[in-house]
């Protein structure tokens, strides 16, 4: 199954999505900020990313801009 990275500063949304995706049989990594999400992605690239675009401490737009330079197969 796929590894899904969820980046959201809202804990309820982040954990709710994680719970649902785990029930579907996928592995899940979570981060509470864009900078934390980038750190997780650097360690282990996810197959799929769900991110909140407007967050403090490095929002989702920053993540979307960074990924293609690290992984050539990443598409926005």
PDB file of N, CA and C in Angstrom:
ATOM      1  N   UNK A   1       0.833  -1.190   0.000  1.00  0.00           N
ATOM      2  CA  UNK A   1       0.000   0.000   0.000  1.00  0.00           C
ATOM      3  C   UNK A   1       0.877   1.253   0.000  1.00  0.00           C
ATOM      4  N   UNK A   2       0.239   2.372  -0.182  1.00  0.00           N
ATOM      5  CA  UNK A   2       0.941   3.654  -0.303  1.00  0.00           C
ATOM      6  C   UNK A   2       1.268   4.261   1.056  1.00  0.00           C
ATOM      7  N   UNK A   3       2.268   5.131   1.047  1.00  0.00           N
ATOM      8  CA  UNK A   3       2.583   5.947   2.218  1.00  0.00           C
ATOM      9  C   UNK A   3       2.014   7.343   1.959  1.00  0.00           C
ATOM     10  N   UNK A   4       1.162   7.812   2.851  1.00  0.00           N
ATOM     11  CA  UNK A   4       0.493   9.104   2.696  1.00  0.00           C
ATOM     12  C   UNK A   4       1.006  10.057   3.771  1.00  0.00           C
ATOM     13  N   UNK A   5       1.423  11.226   3.362  1.00  0.00           N
ATOM     14  CA  UNK A   5       1.859  12.275   4.283  1.00  0.00           C
ATOM     15  C   UNK A   5       0.740  13.301   4.401  1.00  0.00           C
ATOM     16  N   UNK A   6       0.311  13.561   5.641  1.00  0.00           N
ATOM     17  CA  UNK A   6      -0.744  14.540   5.900  1.00  0.00           C
ATOM     18  C   UNK A   6      -0.123  15.703   6.651  1.00  0.00           C
ATOM     19  N   UNK A   7      -0.262  16.899   6.087  1.00  0.00           N
ATOM     20  CA  UNK A   7       0.294  18.111   6.707  1.00  0.00           C
ATOM     21  C   UNK A   7      -0.857  19.066   6.959  1.00  0.00           C
ATOM     22  N   UNK A   8      -1.141  19.316   8.241  1.00  0.00           N
ATOM     23  CA  UNK A   8      -2.218  20.235   8.598  1.00  0.00           C
ATOM     24  C   UNK A   8      -1.991  20.718  10.025  1.00  0.00           C
ATOM     25  N   UNK A   9      -2.169  22.010  10.260  1.00  0.00           N
ATOM     26  CA  UNK A   9      -1.990  22.544  11.606  1.00  0.00           C
ATOM     27  C   UNK A   9      -3.204  22.306  12.495  1.00  0.00           C
ATOM     28  N   UNK A  10      -4.295  21.837  11.930  1.00  0.00           N
ATOM     29  CA  UNK A  10      -5.494  21.516  12.697  1.00  0.00           C
ATOM     30  C   UNK A  10      -5.425  20.038  13.087  1.00  0.00           C
ATOM     31  N   UNK A  11      -5.245  19.780  14.377  1.00  0.00           N
ATOM     32  CA  UNK A  11      -5.057  18.407  14.843  1.00  0.00           C
ATOM     33  C   UNK A  11      -6.257  17.515  14.543  1.00  0.00           C
ATOM     34  N   UNK A  12      -7.463  18.048  14.668  1.00  0.00           N
ATOM     35  CA  UNK A  12      -8.671  17.254  14.417  1.00  0.00           C
ATOM     36  C   UNK A  12      -8.709  16.764  12.972  1.00  0.00           C
ATOM     37  N   UNK A  13      -8.431  17.650  12.041  1.00  0.00           N
ATOM     38  CA  UNK A  13      -8.418  17.274  10.622  1.00  0.00           C
ATOM     39  C   UNK A  13      -7.287  16.292  10.347  1.00  0.00           C
ATOM     40  N   UNK A  14      -6.101  16.618  10.849  1.00  0.00           N
ATOM     41  CA  UNK A  14      -4.918  15.779  10.605  1.00  0.00           C
ATOM     42  C   UNK A  14      -5.121  14.351  11.125  1.00  0.00           C
ATOM     43  N   UNK A  15      -5.581  14.221  12.359  1.00  0.00           N
ATOM     44  CA  UNK A  15      -5.749  12.898  12.949  1.00  0.00           C
ATOM     45  C   UNK A  15      -6.960  12.161  12.371  1.00  0.00           C
ATOM     46  N   UNK A  16      -7.999  12.897  12.018  1.00  0.00           N
ATOM     47  CA  UNK A  16      -9.163  12.272  11.386  1.00  0.00           C
ATOM     48  C   UNK A  16      -8.826  11.668  10.036  1.00  0.00           C
ATOM     49  N   UNK A  17      -8.098  12.423   9.230  1.00  0.00           N
ATOM     50  CA  UNK A  17      -7.649  11.903   7.929  1.00  0.00           C
ATOM     51  C   UNK A  17      -6.720  10.708   8.120  1.00  0.00           C
ATOM     52  N   UNK A  18      -5.803  10.812   9.077  1.00  0.00           N
ATOM     53  CA  UNK A  18      -4.857   9.723   9.328  1.00  0.00           C
ATOM     54  C   UNK A  18      -5.602   8.441   9.712  1.00  0.00           C
ATOM     55  N   UNK A  19      -6.581   8.561  10.568  1.00  0.00           N
ATOM     56  CA  UNK A  19      -7.362   7.406  10.998  1.00  0.00           C
ATOM     57  C   UNK A  19      -8.063   6.737   9.814  1.00  0.00           C
ATOM     58  N   UNK A  20      -8.691   7.541   8.990  1.00  0.00           N
ATOM     59  CA  UNK A  20      -9.416   7.007   7.830  1.00  0.00           C
ATOM     60  C   UNK A  20      -8.474   6.336   6.838  1.00  0.00           C
ATOM     61  N   UNK A  21      -7.353   6.957   6.568  1.00  0.00           N
ATOM     62  CA  UNK A  21      -6.407   6.413   5.586  1.00  0.00           C
ATOM     63  C   UNK A  21      -5.767   5.127   6.113  1.00  0.00           C
ATOM     64  N   UNK A  22      -5.482   5.067   7.424  1.00  0.00           N
ATOM     65  CA  UNK A  22      -4.952   3.833   8.011  1.00  0.00           C
ATOM     66  C   UNK A  22      -5.961   2.697   7.888  1.00  0.00           C
ATOM     67  N   UNK A  23      -7.238   3.004   8.094  1.00  0.00           N
ATOM     68  CA  UNK A  23      -8.277   1.979   7.968  1.00  0.00           C
ATOM     69  C   UNK A  23      -8.350   1.422   6.548  1.00  0.00           C
ATOM     70  N   UNK A  24      -7.946   2.208   5.573  1.00  0.00           N
ATOM     71  CA  UNK A  24      -7.922   1.761   4.187  1.00  0.00           C
ATOM     72  C   UNK A  24      -6.681   0.924   3.866  1.00  0.00           C
ATOM     73  N   UNK A  25      -5.791   0.771   4.870  1.00  0.00           N
ATOM     74  CA  UNK A  25      -4.625  -0.081   4.706  1.00  0.00           C
ATOM     75  C   UNK A  25      -3.340   0.611   4.310  1.00  0.00           C
ATOM     76  N   UNK A  26      -3.332   1.927   4.308  1.00  0.00           N
ATOM     77  CA  UNK A  26      -2.135   2.669   3.921  1.00  0.00           C
ATOM     78  C   UNK A  26      -1.314   3.058   5.138  1.00  0.00           C
ATOM     79  N   UNK A  27      -0.036   3.312   4.917  1.00  0.00           N
ATOM     80  CA  UNK A  27       0.826   3.860   5.955  1.00  0.00           C
ATOM     81  C   UNK A  27       0.629   5.370   5.969  1.00  0.00           C
ATOM     82  N   UNK A  28       0.716   5.972   7.155  1.00  0.00           N
ATOM     83  CA  UNK A  28       0.472   7.406   7.276  1.00  0.00           C
ATOM     84  C   UNK A  28       1.576   8.056   8.099  1.00  0.00           C
ATOM     85  N   UNK A  29       2.032   9.210   7.634  1.00  0.00           N
ATOM     86  CA  UNK A  29       2.914  10.089   8.403  1.00  0.00           C
ATOM     87  C   UNK A  29       2.186  11.418   8.526  1.00  0.00           C
ATOM     88  N   UNK A  30       2.290  12.061   9.688  1.00  0.00           N
ATOM     89  CA  UNK A  30       1.610  13.336   9.888  1.00  0.00           C
ATOM     90  C   UNK A  30       2.586  14.410  10.336  1.00  0.00           C
ATOM     91  N   UNK A  31       2.248  15.643  10.003  1.00  0.00           N
ATOM     92  CA  UNK A  31       3.036  16.807  10.415  1.00  0.00           C
ATOM     93  C   UNK A  31       2.087  17.956  10.699  1.00  0.00           C
ATOM     94  N   UNK A  32       2.423  18.758  11.708  1.00  0.00           N
ATOM     95  CA  UNK A  32       1.579  19.873  12.117  1.00  0.00           C
ATOM     96  C   UNK A  32       1.950  21.191  11.450  1.00  0.00           C
ATOM     97  N   UNK A  33       3.001  21.191  10.622  1.00  0.00           N
ATOM     98  CA  UNK A  33       3.401  22.416   9.926  1.00  0.00           C
ATOM     99  C   UNK A  33       4.083  22.043   8.618  1.00  0.00           C
ATOM    100  N   UNK A  34       4.178  23.020   7.742  1.00  0.00           N
ATOM    101  CA  UNK A  34       4.856  22.793   6.478  1.00  0.00           C
ATOM    102  C   UNK A  34       6.317  22.439   6.655  1.00  0.00           C
ATOM    103  N   UNK A  35       6.996  23.106   7.592  1.00  0.00           N
ATOM    104  CA  UNK A  35       8.414  22.812   7.810  1.00  0.00           C
ATOM    105  C   UNK A  35       8.602  21.398   8.349  1.00  0.00           C
ATOM    106  N   UNK A  36       7.710  20.956   9.230  1.00  0.00           N
ATOM    107  CA  UNK A  36       7.786  19.579   9.740  1.00  0.00           C
ATOM    108  C   UNK A  36       7.482  18.588   8.618  1.00  0.00           C
ATOM    109  N   UNK A  37       6.528  18.916   7.768  1.00  0.00           N
ATOM    110  CA  UNK A  37       6.201  18.056   6.634  1.00  0.00           C
ATOM    111  C   UNK A  37       7.363  17.914   5.673  1.00  0.00           C
ATOM    112  N   UNK A  38       8.063  19.009   5.418  1.00  0.00           N
ATOM    113  CA  UNK A  38       9.238  18.963   4.548  1.00  0.00           C
ATOM    114  C   UNK A  38      10.323  18.081   5.152  1.00  0.00           C
ATOM    115  N   UNK A  39      10.516  18.167   6.477  1.00  0.00           N
ATOM    116  CA  UNK A  39      11.526  17.341   7.137  1.00  0.00           C
ATOM    117  C   UNK A  39      11.180  15.860   7.009  1.00  0.00           C
ATOM    118  N   UNK A  40       9.906  15.521   7.177  1.00  0.00           N
ATOM    119  CA  UNK A  40       9.482  14.129   7.031  1.00  0.00           C
ATOM    120  C   UNK A  40       9.679  13.670   5.591  1.00  0.00           C
ATOM    121  N   UNK A  41       9.324  14.517   4.633  1.00  0.00           N
ATOM    122  CA  UNK A  41       9.451  14.156   3.219  1.00  0.00           C
ATOM    123  C   UNK A  41      10.914  13.950   2.829  1.00  0.00           C
ATOM    124  N   UNK A  42      11.812  14.729   3.417  1.00  0.00           N
ATOM    125  CA  UNK A  42      13.245  14.573   3.129  1.00  0.00           C
ATOM    126  C   UNK A  42      13.737  13.198   3.579  1.00  0.00           C
ATOM    127  N   UNK A  43      13.237  12.737   4.732  1.00  0.00           N
ATOM    128  CA  UNK A  43      13.647  11.442   5.265  1.00  0.00           C
ATOM    129  C   UNK A  43      13.053  10.287   4.470  1.00  0.00           C
ATOM    130  N   UNK A  44      11.811  10.442   4.085  1.00  0.00           N
ATOM    131  CA  UNK A  44      11.116   9.371   3.367  1.00  0.00           C
ATOM    132  C   UNK A  44      10.051   9.983   2.474  1.00  0.00           C
ATOM    133  N   UNK A  45      10.288   9.944   1.193  1.00  0.00           N
ATOM    134  CA  UNK A  45       9.322  10.517   0.254  1.00  0.00           C
ATOM    135  C   UNK A  45       8.006   9.751   0.318  1.00  0.00           C
ATOM    136  N   UNK A  46       6.921  10.477   0.386  1.00  0.00           N
ATOM    137  CA  UNK A  46       5.592   9.879   0.425  1.00  0.00           C
ATOM    138  C   UNK A  46       5.101   9.618  -0.994  1.00  0.00           C
ATOM    139  N   UNK A  47       4.187   8.677  -1.111  1.00  0.00           N
ATOM    140  CA  UNK A  47       3.569   8.396  -2.399  1.00  0.00           C
ATOM    141  C   UNK A  47       2.481   9.410  -2.719  1.00  0.00           C
ATOM    142  N   UNK A  48       1.888   9.962  -1.671  1.00  0.00           N
ATOM    143  CA  UNK A  48       0.770  10.899  -1.824  1.00  0.00           C
ATOM    144  C   UNK A  48       0.813  11.866  -0.660  1.00  0.00           C
ATOM    145  N   UNK A  49       0.548  13.143  -0.908  1.00  0.00           N
ATOM    146  CA  UNK A  49       0.573  14.163   0.144  1.00  0.00           C
ATOM    147  C   UNK A  49      -0.748  14.913   0.165  1.00  0.00           C
ATOM    148  N   UNK A  50      -1.278  15.075   1.362  1.00  0.00           N
ATOM    149  CA  UNK A  50      -2.452  15.921   1.590  1.00  0.00           C
ATOM    150  C   UNK A  50      -1.966  17.056   2.477  1.00  0.00           C
ATOM    151  N   UNK A  51      -2.124  18.298   2.023  1.00  0.00           N
ATOM    152  CA  UNK A  51      -1.639  19.422   2.814  1.00  0.00           C
ATOM    153  C   UNK A  51      -2.634  20.571   2.842  1.00  0.00           C
ATOM    154  N   UNK A  52      -2.663  21.230   3.984  1.00  0.00           N
ATOM    155  CA  UNK A  52      -3.383  22.489   4.138  1.00  0.00           C
ATOM    156  C   UNK A  52      -2.494  23.543   3.480  1.00  0.00           C
ATOM    157  N   UNK A  53      -3.034  24.366   2.631  1.00  0.00           N
ATOM    158  CA  UNK A  53      -2.206  25.345   1.925  1.00  0.00           C
ATOM    159  C   UNK A  53      -1.903  26.584   2.747  1.00  0.00           C
ATOM    160  N   UNK A  54      -2.768  26.915   3.709  1.00  0.00           N
ATOM    161  CA  UNK A  54      -2.565  28.126   4.514  1.00  0.00           C
ATOM    162  C   UNK A  54      -2.283  27.740   5.960  1.00  0.00           C
ATOM    163  N   UNK A  55      -0.988  27.751   6.315  1.00  0.00           N
ATOM    164  CA  UNK A  55      -0.566  27.440   7.680  1.00  0.00           C
ATOM    165  C   UNK A  55       0.552  28.382   8.078  1.00  0.00           C
ATOM    166  N   UNK A  56       0.686  28.588   9.383  1.00  0.00           N
ATOM    167  CA  UNK A  56       1.851  29.300   9.897  1.00  0.00           C
ATOM    168  C   UNK A  56       3.041  28.346   9.823  1.00  0.00           C
ATOM    169  N   UNK A  57       4.224  28.862   9.979  1.00  0.00           N
ATOM    170  CA  UNK A  57       5.457  28.062   9.998  1.00  0.00           C
ATOM    171  C   UNK A  57       5.676  27.292   8.705  1.00  0.00           C
ATOM    172  N   UNK A  58       5.474  27.899   7.604  1.00  0.00           N
ATOM    173  CA  UNK A  58       5.730  27.257   6.318  1.00  0.00           C
ATOM    174  C   UNK A  58       4.525  26.502   5.816  1.00  0.00           C
ATOM    175  N   UNK A  59       3.683  27.164   5.095  1.00  0.00           N
ATOM    176  CA  UNK A  59       2.443  26.575   4.615  1.00  0.00           C
ATOM    177  C   UNK A  59       2.621  25.571   3.499  1.00  0.00           C
ATOM    178  N   UNK A  60       1.514  25.018   3.078  1.00  0.00           N
ATOM    179  CA  UNK A  60       1.503  23.999   2.045  1.00  0.00           C
ATOM    180  C   UNK A  60       2.041  24.462   0.710  1.00  0.00           C
ATOM    181  N   UNK A  61       1.861  25.754   0.399  1.00  0.00           N
ATOM    182  CA  UNK A  61       2.394  26.262  -0.875  1.00  0.00           C
ATOM    183  C   UNK A  61       3.911  26.135  -0.906  1.00  0.00           C
ATOM    184  N   UNK A  62       4.537  26.381   0.229  1.00  0.00           N
ATOM    185  CA  UNK A  62       5.999  26.261   0.308  1.00  0.00           C
ATOM    186  C   UNK A  62       6.413  24.813   0.049  1.00  0.00           C
ATOM    187  N   UNK A  63       5.667  23.874   0.611  1.00  0.00           N
ATOM    188  CA  UNK A  63       5.953  22.452   0.389  1.00  0.00           C
ATOM    189  C   UNK A  63       5.816  22.100  -1.085  1.00  0.00           C
ATOM    190  N   UNK A  64       4.741  22.544  -1.698  1.00  0.00           N
ATOM    191  CA  UNK A  64       4.499  22.242  -3.110  1.00  0.00           C
ATOM    192  C   UNK A  64       5.607  22.790  -3.998  1.00  0.00           C
ATOM    193  N   UNK A  65       6.158  23.919  -3.623  1.00  0.00           N
ATOM    194  CA  UNK A  65       7.235  24.517  -4.410  1.00  0.00           C
ATOM    195  C   UNK A  65       8.551  23.754  -4.237  1.00  0.00           C
ATOM    196  N   UNK A  66       8.766  23.159  -3.059  1.00  0.00           N
ATOM    197  CA  UNK A  66      10.039  22.499  -2.768  1.00  0.00           C
ATOM    198  C   UNK A  66      10.133  21.086  -3.328  1.00  0.00           C
ATOM    199  N   UNK A  67       9.065  20.327  -3.305  1.00  0.00           N
ATOM    200  CA  UNK A  67       9.129  18.912  -3.668  1.00  0.00           C
ATOM    201  C   UNK A  67       9.662  18.611  -5.054  1.00  0.00           C
ATOM    202  N   UNK A  68       9.248  19.302  -6.095  1.00  0.00           N
ATOM    203  CA  UNK A  68       9.759  18.937  -7.427  1.00  0.00           C
ATOM    204  C   UNK A  68      11.275  19.028  -7.548  1.00  0.00           C
ATOM    205  N   UNK A  69      11.911  19.909  -6.790  1.00  0.00           N
ATOM    206  CA  UNK A  69      13.366  20.019  -6.877  1.00  0.00           C
ATOM    207  C   UNK A  69      14.059  18.840  -6.186  1.00  0.00           C
ATOM    208  N   UNK A  70      13.373  18.165  -5.268  1.00  0.00           N
ATOM    209  CA  UNK A  70      13.963  17.024  -4.569  1.00  0.00           C
ATOM    210  C   UNK A  70      13.683  15.708  -5.272  1.00  0.00           C
ATOM    211  N   UNK A  71      12.516  15.606  -5.862  1.00  0.00           N
ATOM    212  CA  UNK A  71      12.083  14.353  -6.470  1.00  0.00           C
ATOM    213  C   UNK A  71      11.540  14.645  -7.862  1.00  0.00           C
ATOM    214  N   UNK A  72      12.256  14.269  -8.903  1.00  0.00           N
ATOM    215  CA  UNK A  72      11.845  14.616 -10.265  1.00  0.00           C
ATOM    216  C   UNK A  72      10.480  14.060 -10.662  1.00  0.00           C
ATOM    217  N   UNK A  73      10.016  13.020 -10.004  1.00  0.00           N
ATOM    218  CA  UNK A  73       8.725  12.429 -10.381  1.00  0.00           C
ATOM    219  C   UNK A  73       7.532  13.103  -9.718  1.00  0.00           C
ATOM    220  N   UNK A  74       7.785  14.076  -8.844  1.00  0.00           N
ATOM    221  CA  UNK A  74       6.684  14.770  -8.168  1.00  0.00           C
ATOM    222  C   UNK A  74       5.975  15.682  -9.154  1.00  0.00           C
ATOM    223  N   UNK A  75       4.665  15.587  -9.168  1.00  0.00           N
ATOM    224  CA  UNK A  75       3.855  16.456 -10.034  1.00  0.00           C
ATOM    225  C   UNK A  75       2.961  17.306  -9.179  1.00  0.00           C
ATOM    226  N   UNK A  76       2.744  18.557  -9.593  1.00  0.00           N
ATOM    227  CA  UNK A  76       1.826  19.445  -8.877  1.00  0.00           C
ATOM    228  C   UNK A  76       0.556  19.541  -9.659  1.00  0.00           C
TER     229      UNK A  76
END
